[in-house]
Amino acid sequence: MQTEVKSRMLRIPVKLYRIGELVRYTPFSRQTIHNYTIMGLIREVEWTDGGHRLYDESVFERLSKIIELRKTKTLSEIRQILKKQEAADITGNTSSQSENN
C-alpha cells in the first residue's frame, strides 16, 4: 500500500517502509523500532491491511537525529527535544534547534 504525491500532472509514488526494512537499513533492532514508535520518537504513517506499520522516508532523518542525541541525552530528553522541534516546525519558529547543541 503506497501513498501518492501529486506533482502538477504526475503522480509520484511515495515509498513506505515496514519495520523489517528499517532494521535492514539502520543499526536498530525490530524491538527498538517498535519501542521508539510506542514512545512517540518516530511515527508510522499508515498501517497495512495485515496490521503492519508503515513509515515514510522521513523516519530515516528522525532515526539519524536520535542516534546523535542518544550520545548525550536520555530517551525522555530526546522525546522532549523532538516534540519542541515539531512544534517549532509547525509554527515556523526555529529557536528550539539551539537546544540540540
PDB file of N, CA and C in Angstrom:
ATOM      1  N   MET A   1       0.850  -1.172   0.000  1.00  0.00           N
ATOM      2  CA  MET A   1       0.000   0.000   0.000  1.00  0.00           C
ATOM      3  C   MET A   1       0.898   1.237   0.000  1.00  0.00           C
ATOM      4  N   GLN A   2       0.839   2.012  -1.055  1.00  0.00           N
ATOM      5  CA  GLN A   2       1.658   3.205  -1.160  1.00  0.00           C
ATOM      6  C   GLN A   2       0.785   4.423  -1.381  1.00  0.00           C
ATOM      7  N   THR A   3       1.208   5.508  -0.780  1.00  0.00           N
ATOM      8  CA  THR A   3       0.523   6.775  -0.954  1.00  0.00           C
ATOM      9  C   THR A   3       1.131   7.469  -2.158  1.00  0.00           C
ATOM     10  N   GLU A   4       0.372   8.321  -2.787  1.00  0.00           N
ATOM     11  CA  GLU A   4       0.899   9.057  -3.931  1.00  0.00           C
ATOM     12  C   GLU A   4       0.932  10.538  -3.629  1.00  0.00           C
ATOM     13  N   VAL A   5       1.953  11.213  -4.140  1.00  0.00           N
ATOM     14  CA  VAL A   5       2.083  12.652  -4.022  1.00  0.00           C
ATOM     15  C   VAL A   5       1.787  13.243  -5.387  1.00  0.00           C
ATOM     16  N   LYS A   6       0.892  14.213  -5.433  1.00  0.00           N
ATOM     17  CA  LYS A   6       0.570  14.846  -6.711  1.00  0.00           C
ATOM     18  C   LYS A   6       1.574  15.959  -6.981  1.00  0.00           C
ATOM     19  N   SER A   7       2.232  15.884  -8.096  1.00  0.00           N
ATOM     20  CA  SER A   7       3.173  16.904  -8.525  1.00  0.00           C
ATOM     21  C   SER A   7       2.714  17.395  -9.880  1.00  0.00           C
ATOM     22  N   ARG A   8       1.974  18.469  -9.867  1.00  0.00           N
ATOM     23  CA  ARG A   8       1.339  19.023 -11.062  1.00  0.00           C
ATOM     24  C   ARG A   8       0.507  17.947 -11.734  1.00  0.00           C
ATOM     25  N   MET A   9       1.006  17.349 -12.796  1.00  0.00           N
ATOM     26  CA  MET A   9       0.204  16.360 -13.510  1.00  0.00           C
ATOM     27  C   MET A   9       0.689  14.934 -13.270  1.00  0.00           C
ATOM     28  N   LEU A  10       1.818  14.784 -12.593  1.00  0.00           N
ATOM     29  CA  LEU A  10       2.360  13.456 -12.334  1.00  0.00           C
ATOM     30  C   LEU A  10       1.943  12.976 -10.952  1.00  0.00           C
ATOM     31  N   ARG A  11       1.766  11.695 -10.823  1.00  0.00           N
ATOM     32  CA  ARG A  11       1.536  11.094  -9.511  1.00  0.00           C
ATOM     33  C   ARG A  11       2.788  10.303  -9.161  1.00  0.00           C
ATOM     34  N   ILE A  12       3.523  10.803  -8.191  1.00  0.00           N
ATOM     35  CA  ILE A  12       4.781  10.183  -7.799  1.00  0.00           C
ATOM     36  C   ILE A  12       4.520   9.294  -6.587  1.00  0.00           C
ATOM     37  N   PRO A  13       4.771   7.992  -6.705  1.00  0.00           N
ATOM     38  CA  PRO A  13       4.527   7.115  -5.558  1.00  0.00           C
ATOM     39  C   PRO A  13       5.519   7.404  -4.436  1.00  0.00           C
ATOM     40  N   VAL A  14       5.018   7.387  -3.218  1.00  0.00           N
ATOM     41  CA  VAL A  14       5.849   7.584  -2.043  1.00  0.00           C
ATOM     42  C   VAL A  14       6.202   6.206  -1.502  1.00  0.00           C
ATOM     43  N   LYS A  15       7.486   5.972  -1.284  1.00  0.00           N
ATOM     44  CA  LYS A  15       7.931   4.687  -0.756  1.00  0.00           C
ATOM     45  C   LYS A  15       7.627   4.632   0.733  1.00  0.00           C
ATOM     46  N   LEU A  16       6.983   3.569   1.149  1.00  0.00           N
ATOM     47  CA  LEU A  16       6.713   3.333   2.557  1.00  0.00           C
ATOM     48  C   LEU A  16       7.480   2.092   2.992  1.00  0.00           C
ATOM     49  N   TYR A  17       7.975   2.117   4.228  1.00  0.00           N
ATOM     50  CA  TYR A  17       8.855   1.073   4.734  1.00  0.00           C
ATOM     51  C   TYR A  17       8.216   0.344   5.908  1.00  0.00           C
ATOM     52  N   ARG A  18       8.364  -0.975   5.913  1.00  0.00           N
ATOM     53  CA  ARG A  18       7.955  -1.785   7.060  1.00  0.00           C
ATOM     54  C   ARG A  18       9.104  -1.803   8.063  1.00  0.00           C
ATOM     55  N   ILE A  19       8.801  -2.254   9.271  1.00  0.00           N
ATOM     56  CA  ILE A  19       9.820  -2.304  10.325  1.00  0.00           C
ATOM     57  C   ILE A  19      11.026  -3.124   9.877  1.00  0.00           C
ATOM     58  N   GLY A  20      10.797  -4.237   9.203  1.00  0.00           N
ATOM     59  CA  GLY A  20      11.904  -5.079   8.750  1.00  0.00           C
ATOM     60  C   GLY A  20      12.870  -4.343   7.844  1.00  0.00           C
ATOM     61  N   GLU A  21      12.334  -3.455   7.012  1.00  0.00           N
ATOM     62  CA  GLU A  21      13.198  -2.665   6.134  1.00  0.00           C
ATOM     63  C   GLU A  21      13.986  -1.637   6.935  1.00  0.00           C
ATOM     64  N   LEU A  22      13.364  -1.051   7.948  1.00  0.00           N
ATOM     65  CA  LEU A  22      14.089  -0.101   8.797  1.00  0.00           C
ATOM     66  C   LEU A  22      15.236  -0.807   9.513  1.00  0.00           C
ATOM     67  N   VAL A  23      14.976  -2.030   9.964  1.00  0.00           N
ATOM     68  CA  VAL A  23      16.017  -2.819  10.629  1.00  0.00           C
ATOM     69  C   VAL A  23      17.175  -3.078   9.668  1.00  0.00           C
ATOM     70  N   ARG A  24      16.861  -3.361   8.414  1.00  0.00           N
ATOM     71  CA  ARG A  24      17.880  -3.653   7.410  1.00  0.00           C
ATOM     72  C   ARG A  24      18.749  -2.427   7.115  1.00  0.00           C
ATOM     73  N   TYR A  25      18.150  -1.246   7.098  1.00  0.00           N
ATOM     74  CA  TYR A  25      18.853  -0.033   6.684  1.00  0.00           C
ATOM     75  C   TYR A  25      19.397   0.807   7.831  1.00  0.00           C
ATOM     76  N   THR A  26      19.124   0.419   9.073  1.00  0.00           N
ATOM     77  CA  THR A  26      19.583   1.193  10.232  1.00  0.00           C
ATOM     78  C   THR A  26      20.248   0.257  11.237  1.00  0.00           C
ATOM     79  N   PRO A  27      20.915   0.810  12.242  1.00  0.00           N
ATOM     80  CA  PRO A  27      21.533  -0.046  13.264  1.00  0.00           C
ATOM     81  C   PRO A  27      20.564  -0.495  14.357  1.00  0.00           C
ATOM     82  N   PHE A  28      19.274  -0.222  14.192  1.00  0.00           N
ATOM     83  CA  PHE A  28      18.296  -0.519  15.230  1.00  0.00           C
ATOM     84  C   PHE A  28      17.662  -1.894  15.046  1.00  0.00           C
ATOM     85  N   SER A  29      17.330  -2.520  16.169  1.00  0.00           N
ATOM     86  CA  SER A  29      16.631  -3.805  16.134  1.00  0.00           C
ATOM     87  C   SER A  29      15.136  -3.575  15.921  1.00  0.00           C
ATOM     88  N   ARG A  30      14.453  -4.638  15.590  1.00  0.00           N
ATOM     89  CA  ARG A  30      12.995  -4.594  15.421  1.00  0.00           C
ATOM     90  C   ARG A  30      12.333  -4.095  16.710  1.00  0.00           C
ATOM     91  N   GLN A  31      12.799  -4.597  17.851  1.00  0.00           N
ATOM     92  CA  GLN A  31      12.215  -4.205  19.138  1.00  0.00           C
ATOM     93  C   GLN A  31      12.449  -2.722  19.424  1.00  0.00           C
ATOM     94  N   THR A  32      13.638  -2.219  19.091  1.00  0.00           N
ATOM     95  CA  THR A  32      13.928  -0.803  19.310  1.00  0.00           C
ATOM     96  C   THR A  32      13.030   0.072  18.447  1.00  0.00           C
ATOM     97  N   ILE A  33      12.863  -0.290  17.177  1.00  0.00           N
ATOM     98  CA  ILE A  33      11.968   0.463  16.288  1.00  0.00           C
ATOM     99  C   ILE A  33      10.555   0.460  16.870  1.00  0.00           C
ATOM    100  N   HIS A  34      10.110  -0.694  17.315  1.00  0.00           N
ATOM    101  CA  HIS A  34       8.778  -0.803  17.925  1.00  0.00           C
ATOM    102  C   HIS A  34       8.684   0.092  19.168  1.00  0.00           C
ATOM    103  N   ASN A  35       9.692   0.018  20.041  1.00  0.00           N
ATOM    104  CA  ASN A  35       9.685   0.829  21.263  1.00  0.00           C
ATOM    105  C   ASN A  35       9.688   2.321  20.945  1.00  0.00           C
ATOM    106  N   TYR A  36      10.501   2.734  19.985  1.00  0.00           N
ATOM    107  CA  TYR A  36      10.555   4.152  19.610  1.00  0.00           C
ATOM    108  C   TYR A  36       9.206   4.621  19.065  1.00  0.00           C
ATOM    109  N   THR A  37       8.504   3.730  18.370  1.00  0.00           N
ATOM    110  CA  THR A  37       7.175   4.075  17.862  1.00  0.00           C
ATOM    111  C   THR A  37       6.200   4.246  19.023  1.00  0.00           C
ATOM    112  N   ILE A  38       6.211   3.312  19.951  1.00  0.00           N
ATOM    113  CA  ILE A  38       5.319   3.372  21.110  1.00  0.00           C
ATOM    114  C   ILE A  38       5.606   4.622  21.941  1.00  0.00           C
ATOM    115  N   MET A  39       6.886   4.977  22.074  1.00  0.00           N
ATOM    116  CA  MET A  39       7.277   6.154  22.860  1.00  0.00           C
ATOM    117  C   MET A  39       6.976   7.469  22.144  1.00  0.00           C
ATOM    118  N   GLY A  40       6.698   7.401  20.857  1.00  0.00           N
ATOM    119  CA  GLY A  40       6.424   8.620  20.109  1.00  0.00           C
ATOM    120  C   GLY A  40       7.657   9.279  19.519  1.00  0.00           C
ATOM    121  N   LEU A  41       8.800   8.585  19.549  1.00  0.00           N
ATOM    122  CA  LEU A  41      10.018   9.145  18.960  1.00  0.00           C
ATOM    123  C   LEU A  41       9.949   9.116  17.440  1.00  0.00           C
ATOM    124  N   ILE A  42       9.307   8.087  16.899  1.00  0.00           N
ATOM    125  CA  ILE A  42       9.045   8.009  15.459  1.00  0.00           C
ATOM    126  C   ILE A  42       7.571   7.661  15.287  1.00  0.00           C
ATOM    127  N   ARG A  43       7.058   7.914  14.082  1.00  0.00           N
ATOM    128  CA  ARG A  43       5.631   7.664  13.844  1.00  0.00           C
ATOM    129  C   ARG A  43       5.419   6.898  12.544  1.00  0.00           C
ATOM    130  N   GLU A  44       4.505   5.952  12.611  1.00  0.00           N
ATOM    131  CA  GLU A  44       4.076   5.295  11.386  1.00  0.00           C
ATOM    132  C   GLU A  44       3.112   6.237  10.680  1.00  0.00           C
ATOM    133  N   VAL A  45       3.075   6.142   9.359  1.00  0.00           N
ATOM    134  CA  VAL A  45       2.161   6.998   8.599  1.00  0.00           C
ATOM    135  C   VAL A  45       0.925   6.233   8.140  1.00  0.00           C
ATOM    136  N   GLU A  46       1.039   4.919   8.106  1.00  0.00           N
ATOM    137  CA  GLU A  46      -0.079   4.073   7.676  1.00  0.00           C
ATOM    138  C   GLU A  46       0.075   2.697   8.297  1.00  0.00           C
ATOM    139  N   TRP A  47      -0.975   1.922   8.150  1.00  0.00           N
ATOM    140  CA  TRP A  47      -0.970   0.507   8.521  1.00  0.00           C
ATOM    141  C   TRP A  47      -1.419  -0.289   7.297  1.00  0.00           C
ATOM    142  N   THR A  48      -0.844  -1.472   7.124  1.00  0.00           N
ATOM    143  CA  THR A  48      -1.320  -2.345   6.055  1.00  0.00           C
ATOM    144  C   THR A  48      -2.610  -3.014   6.509  1.00  0.00           C
ATOM    145  N   ASP A  49      -3.291  -3.653   5.576  1.00  0.00           N
ATOM    146  CA  ASP A  49      -4.496  -4.405   5.928  1.00  0.00           C
ATOM    147  C   ASP A  49      -4.162  -5.534   6.903  1.00  0.00           C
ATOM    148  N   GLY A  50      -2.926  -6.017   6.845  1.00  0.00           N
ATOM    149  CA  GLY A  50      -2.483  -7.082   7.738  1.00  0.00           C
ATOM    150  C   GLY A  50      -1.994  -6.589   9.091  1.00  0.00           C
ATOM    151  N   GLY A  51      -2.054  -5.279   9.320  1.00  0.00           N
ATOM    152  CA  GLY A  51      -1.674  -4.731  10.618  1.00  0.00           C
ATOM    153  C   GLY A  51      -0.216  -4.342  10.768  1.00  0.00           C
ATOM    154  N   HIS A  52       0.522  -4.273   9.661  1.00  0.00           N
ATOM    155  CA  HIS A  52       1.924  -3.868   9.727  1.00  0.00           C
ATOM    156  C   HIS A  52       2.034  -2.351   9.670  1.00  0.00           C
ATOM    157  N   ARG A  53       2.928  -1.813  10.498  1.00  0.00           N
ATOM    158  CA  ARG A  53       3.167  -0.375  10.472  1.00  0.00           C
ATOM    159  C   ARG A  53       3.978  -0.019   9.235  1.00  0.00           C
ATOM    160  N   LEU A  54       3.677   1.132   8.655  1.00  0.00           N
ATOM    161  CA  LEU A  54       4.424   1.641   7.509  1.00  0.00           C
ATOM    162  C   LEU A  54       4.956   3.028   7.846  1.00  0.00           C
ATOM    163  N   TYR A  55       6.215   3.253   7.498  1.00  0.00           N
ATOM    164  CA  TYR A  55       6.898   4.512   7.784  1.00  0.00           C
ATOM    165  C   TYR A  55       7.317   5.153   6.471  1.00  0.00           C
ATOM    166  N   ASP A  56       7.304   6.485   6.420  1.00  0.00           N
ATOM    167  CA  ASP A  56       7.773   7.154   5.207  1.00  0.00           C
ATOM    168  C   ASP A  56       9.267   7.451   5.331  1.00  0.00           C
ATOM    169  N   GLU A  57       9.832   8.062   4.303  1.00  0.00           N
ATOM    170  CA  GLU A  57      11.277   8.297   4.262  1.00  0.00           C
ATOM    171  C   GLU A  57      11.771   9.237   5.350  1.00  0.00           C
ATOM    172  N   SER A  58      10.898  10.064   5.900  1.00  0.00           N
ATOM    173  CA  SER A  58      11.323  10.999   6.948  1.00  0.00           C
ATOM    174  C   SER A  58      11.787  10.274   8.205  1.00  0.00           C
ATOM    175  N   VAL A  59      11.413   9.005   8.354  1.00  0.00           N
ATOM    176  CA  VAL A  59      11.815   8.254   9.539  1.00  0.00           C
ATOM    177  C   VAL A  59      13.338   8.097   9.599  1.00  0.00           C
ATOM    178  N   PHE A  60      14.008   8.057   8.447  1.00  0.00           N
ATOM    179  CA  PHE A  60      15.462   7.890   8.447  1.00  0.00           C
ATOM    180  C   PHE A  60      16.163   9.123   9.012  1.00  0.00           C
ATOM    181  N   GLU A  61      15.662  10.297   8.668  1.00  0.00           N
ATOM    182  CA  GLU A  61      16.220  11.532   9.232  1.00  0.00           C
ATOM    183  C   GLU A  61      15.981  11.564  10.741  1.00  0.00           C
ATOM    184  N   ARG A  62      14.806  11.161  11.135  1.00  0.00           N
ATOM    185  CA  ARG A  62      14.445  11.149  12.555  1.00  0.00           C
ATOM    186  C   ARG A  62      15.332  10.163  13.318  1.00  0.00           C
ATOM    187  N   LEU A  63      15.548   8.976  12.768  1.00  0.00           N
ATOM    188  CA  LEU A  63      16.403   7.989  13.424  1.00  0.00           C
ATOM    189  C   LEU A  63      17.851   8.463  13.482  1.00  0.00           C
ATOM    190  N   SER A  64      18.309   9.160  12.455  1.00  0.00           N
ATOM    191  CA  SER A  64      19.666   9.724  12.469  1.00  0.00           C
ATOM    192  C   SER A  64      19.802  10.746  13.586  1.00  0.00           C
ATOM    193  N   LYS A  65      18.777  11.555  13.748  1.00  0.00           N
ATOM    194  CA  LYS A  65      18.774  12.560  14.814  1.00  0.00           C
ATOM    195  C   LYS A  65      18.809  11.876  16.179  1.00  0.00           C
ATOM    196  N   ILE A  66      18.049  10.798  16.323  1.00  0.00           N
ATOM    197  CA  ILE A  66      18.024  10.052  17.582  1.00  0.00           C
ATOM    198  C   ILE A  66      19.399   9.466  17.875  1.00  0.00           C
ATOM    199  N   ILE A  67      20.073   8.943  16.853  1.00  0.00           N
ATOM    200  CA  ILE A  67      21.424   8.391  17.040  1.00  0.00           C
ATOM    201  C   ILE A  67      22.346   9.456  17.614  1.00  0.00           C
ATOM    202  N   GLU A  68      22.316  10.647  17.042  1.00  0.00           N
ATOM    203  CA  GLU A  68      23.181  11.734  17.518  1.00  0.00           C
ATOM    204  C   GLU A  68      22.817  12.159  18.936  1.00  0.00           C
ATOM    205  N   LEU A  69      21.541  12.355  19.189  1.00  0.00           N
ATOM    206  CA  LEU A  69      21.103  12.805  20.510  1.00  0.00           C
ATOM    207  C   LEU A  69      21.356  11.753  21.581  1.00  0.00           C
ATOM    208  N   ARG A  70      21.303  10.487  21.202  1.00  0.00           N
ATOM    209  CA  ARG A  70      21.481   9.382  22.150  1.00  0.00           C
ATOM    210  C   ARG A  70      22.877   9.389  22.771  1.00  0.00           C
ATOM    211  N   LYS A  71      23.822  10.047  22.119  1.00  0.00           N
ATOM    212  CA  LYS A  71      25.192  10.121  22.641  1.00  0.00           C
ATOM    213  C   LYS A  71      25.256  10.897  23.948  1.00  0.00           C
ATOM    214  N   THR A  72      24.346  11.850  24.127  1.00  0.00           N
ATOM    215  CA  THR A  72      24.408  12.712  25.312  1.00  0.00           C
ATOM    216  C   THR A  72      23.084  12.853  26.053  1.00  0.00           C
ATOM    217  N   LYS A  73      22.010  12.323  25.510  1.00  0.00           N
ATOM    218  CA  LYS A  73      20.679  12.531  26.098  1.00  0.00           C
ATOM    219  C   LYS A  73      19.990  11.207  26.397  1.00  0.00           C
ATOM    220  N   THR A  74      19.067  11.258  27.353  1.00  0.00           N
ATOM    221  CA  THR A  74      18.222  10.096  27.635  1.00  0.00           C
ATOM    222  C   THR A  74      17.077  10.072  26.618  1.00  0.00           C
ATOM    223  N   LEU A  75      16.383   8.951  26.537  1.00  0.00           N
ATOM    224  CA  LEU A  75      15.253   8.858  25.613  1.00  0.00           C
ATOM    225  C   LEU A  75      14.151   9.848  25.984  1.00  0.00           C
ATOM    226  N   SER A  76      13.963  10.067  27.267  1.00  0.00           N
ATOM    227  CA  SER A  76      12.967  11.043  27.713  1.00  0.00           C
ATOM    228  C   SER A  76      13.346  12.451  27.252  1.00  0.00           C
ATOM    229  N   GLU A  77      14.621  12.792  27.382  1.00  0.00           N
ATOM    230  CA  GLU A  77      15.090  14.110  26.922  1.00  0.00           C
ATOM    231  C   GLU A  77      14.957  14.231  25.408  1.00  0.00           C
ATOM    232  N   ILE A  78      15.270  13.152  24.710  1.00  0.00           N
ATOM    233  CA  ILE A  78      15.160  13.157  23.245  1.00  0.00           C
ATOM    234  C   ILE A  78      13.709  13.379  22.831  1.00  0.00           C
ATOM    235  N   ARG A  79      12.793  12.722  23.499  1.00  0.00           N
ATOM    236  CA  ARG A  79      11.373  12.894  23.181  1.00  0.00           C
ATOM    237  C   ARG A  79      10.961  14.357  23.352  1.00  0.00           C
ATOM    238  N   GLN A  80      11.411  14.991  24.426  1.00  0.00           N
ATOM    239  CA  GLN A  80      11.081  16.404  24.663  1.00  0.00           C
ATOM    240  C   GLN A  80      11.682  17.295  23.582  1.00  0.00           C
ATOM    241  N   ILE A  81      12.919  17.042  23.209  1.00  0.00           N
ATOM    242  CA  ILE A  81      13.585  17.833  22.168  1.00  0.00           C
ATOM    243  C   ILE A  81      12.848  17.694  20.841  1.00  0.00           C
ATOM    244  N   LEU A  82      12.506  16.464  20.486  1.00  0.00           N
ATOM    245  CA  LEU A  82      11.818  16.231  19.214  1.00  0.00           C
ATOM    246  C   LEU A  82      10.432  16.868  19.199  1.00  0.00           C
ATOM    247  N   LYS A  83       9.738  16.831  20.330  1.00  0.00           N
ATOM    248  CA  LYS A  83       8.419  17.475  20.407  1.00  0.00           C
ATOM    249  C   LYS A  83       8.547  18.980  20.223  1.00  0.00           C
ATOM    250  N   LYS A  84       9.567  19.576  20.843  1.00  0.00           N
ATOM    251  CA  LYS A  84       9.778  21.020  20.698  1.00  0.00           C
ATOM    252  C   LYS A  84      10.121  21.373  19.259  1.00  0.00           C
ATOM    253  N   GLN A  85      10.927  20.533  18.614  1.00  0.00           N
ATOM    254  CA  GLN A  85      11.276  20.789  17.216  1.00  0.00           C
ATOM    255  C   GLN A  85      10.047  20.690  16.321  1.00  0.00           C
ATOM    256  N   GLU A  86       9.191  19.711  16.580  1.00  0.00           N
ATOM    257  CA  GLU A  86       7.957  19.579  15.797  1.00  0.00           C
ATOM    258  C   GLU A  86       7.074  20.810  15.969  1.00  0.00           C
ATOM    259  N   ALA A  87       6.949  21.277  17.203  1.00  0.00           N
ATOM    260  CA  ALA A  87       6.131  22.462  17.465  1.00  0.00           C
ATOM    261  C   ALA A  87       6.721  23.675  16.757  1.00  0.00           C
ATOM    262  N   ALA A  88       8.048  23.780  16.771  1.00  0.00           N
ATOM    263  CA  ALA A  88       8.710  24.896  16.095  1.00  0.00           C
ATOM    264  C   ALA A  88       8.510  24.807  14.590  1.00  0.00           C
ATOM    265  N   ASP A  89       8.563  23.598  14.045  1.00  0.00           N
ATOM    266  CA  ASP A  89       8.344  23.414  12.605  1.00  0.00           C
ATOM    267  C   ASP A  89       6.933  23.834  12.214  1.00  0.00           C
ATOM    268  N   ILE A  90       5.985  23.520  13.068  1.00  0.00           N
ATOM    269  CA  ILE A  90       4.589  23.867  12.785  1.00  0.00           C
ATOM    270  C   ILE A  90       4.384  25.373  12.825  1.00  0.00           C
ATOM    271  N   THR A  91       4.996  26.027  13.807  1.00  0.00           N
ATOM    272  CA  THR A  91       4.811  27.474  13.958  1.00  0.00           C
ATOM    273  C   THR A  91       5.805  28.280  13.137  1.00  0.00           C
ATOM    274  N   GLY A  92       6.817  27.611  12.591  1.00  0.00           N
ATOM    275  CA  GLY A  92       7.826  28.322  11.811  1.00  0.00           C
ATOM    276  C   GLY A  92       8.933  28.901  12.663  1.00  0.00           C
ATOM    277  N   ASN A  93       8.939  28.589  13.941  1.00  0.00           N
ATOM    278  CA  ASN A  93       9.955  29.082  14.865  1.00  0.00           C
ATOM    279  C   ASN A  93      11.078  28.059  14.950  1.00  0.00           C
ATOM    280  N   THR A  94      12.322  28.489  14.784  1.00  0.00           N
ATOM    281  CA  THR A  94      13.456  27.559  14.805  1.00  0.00           C
ATOM    282  C   THR A  94      14.302  27.706  16.052  1.00  0.00           C
ATOM    283  N   SER A  95      13.829  28.391  17.065  1.00  0.00           N
ATOM    284  CA  SER A  95      14.634  28.617  18.265  1.00  0.00           C
ATOM    285  C   SER A  95      14.928  27.334  19.023  1.00  0.00           C
ATOM    286  N   SER A  96      14.097  26.301  18.886  1.00  0.00           N
ATOM    287  CA  SER A  96      14.332  25.060  19.619  1.00  0.00           C
ATOM    288  C   SER A  96      15.542  24.300  19.097  1.00  0.00           C
ATOM    289  N   GLN A  97      16.037  24.638  17.914  1.00  0.00           N
ATOM    290  CA  GLN A  97      17.211  23.958  17.378  1.00  0.00           C
ATOM    291  C   GLN A  97      18.434  24.210  18.239  1.00  0.00           C
ATOM    292  N   SER A  98      18.493  25.329  18.917  1.00  0.00           N
ATOM    293  CA  SER A  98      19.652  25.641  19.743  1.00  0.00           C
ATOM    294  C   SER A  98      19.771  24.687  20.920  1.00  0.00           C
ATOM    295  N   GLU A  99      18.697  23.994  21.289  1.00  0.00           N
ATOM    296  CA  GLU A  99      18.743  23.057  22.394  1.00  0.00           C
ATOM    297  C   GLU A  99      19.519  21.800  22.046  1.00  0.00           C
ATOM    298  N   ASN A 100      19.718  21.526  20.771  1.00  0.00           N
ATOM    299  CA  ASN A 100      20.468  20.336  20.360  1.00  0.00           C
ATOM    300  C   ASN A 100      21.954  20.494  20.603  1.00  0.00           C
ATOM    301  N   ASN A 101      22.442  21.705  20.673  1.00  0.00           N
ATOM    302  CA  ASN A 101      23.885  21.958  20.803  1.00  0.00           C
ATOM    303  C   ASN A 101      24.321  22.016  22.231  1.00  0.00           C
TER     304      ASN A 101
END
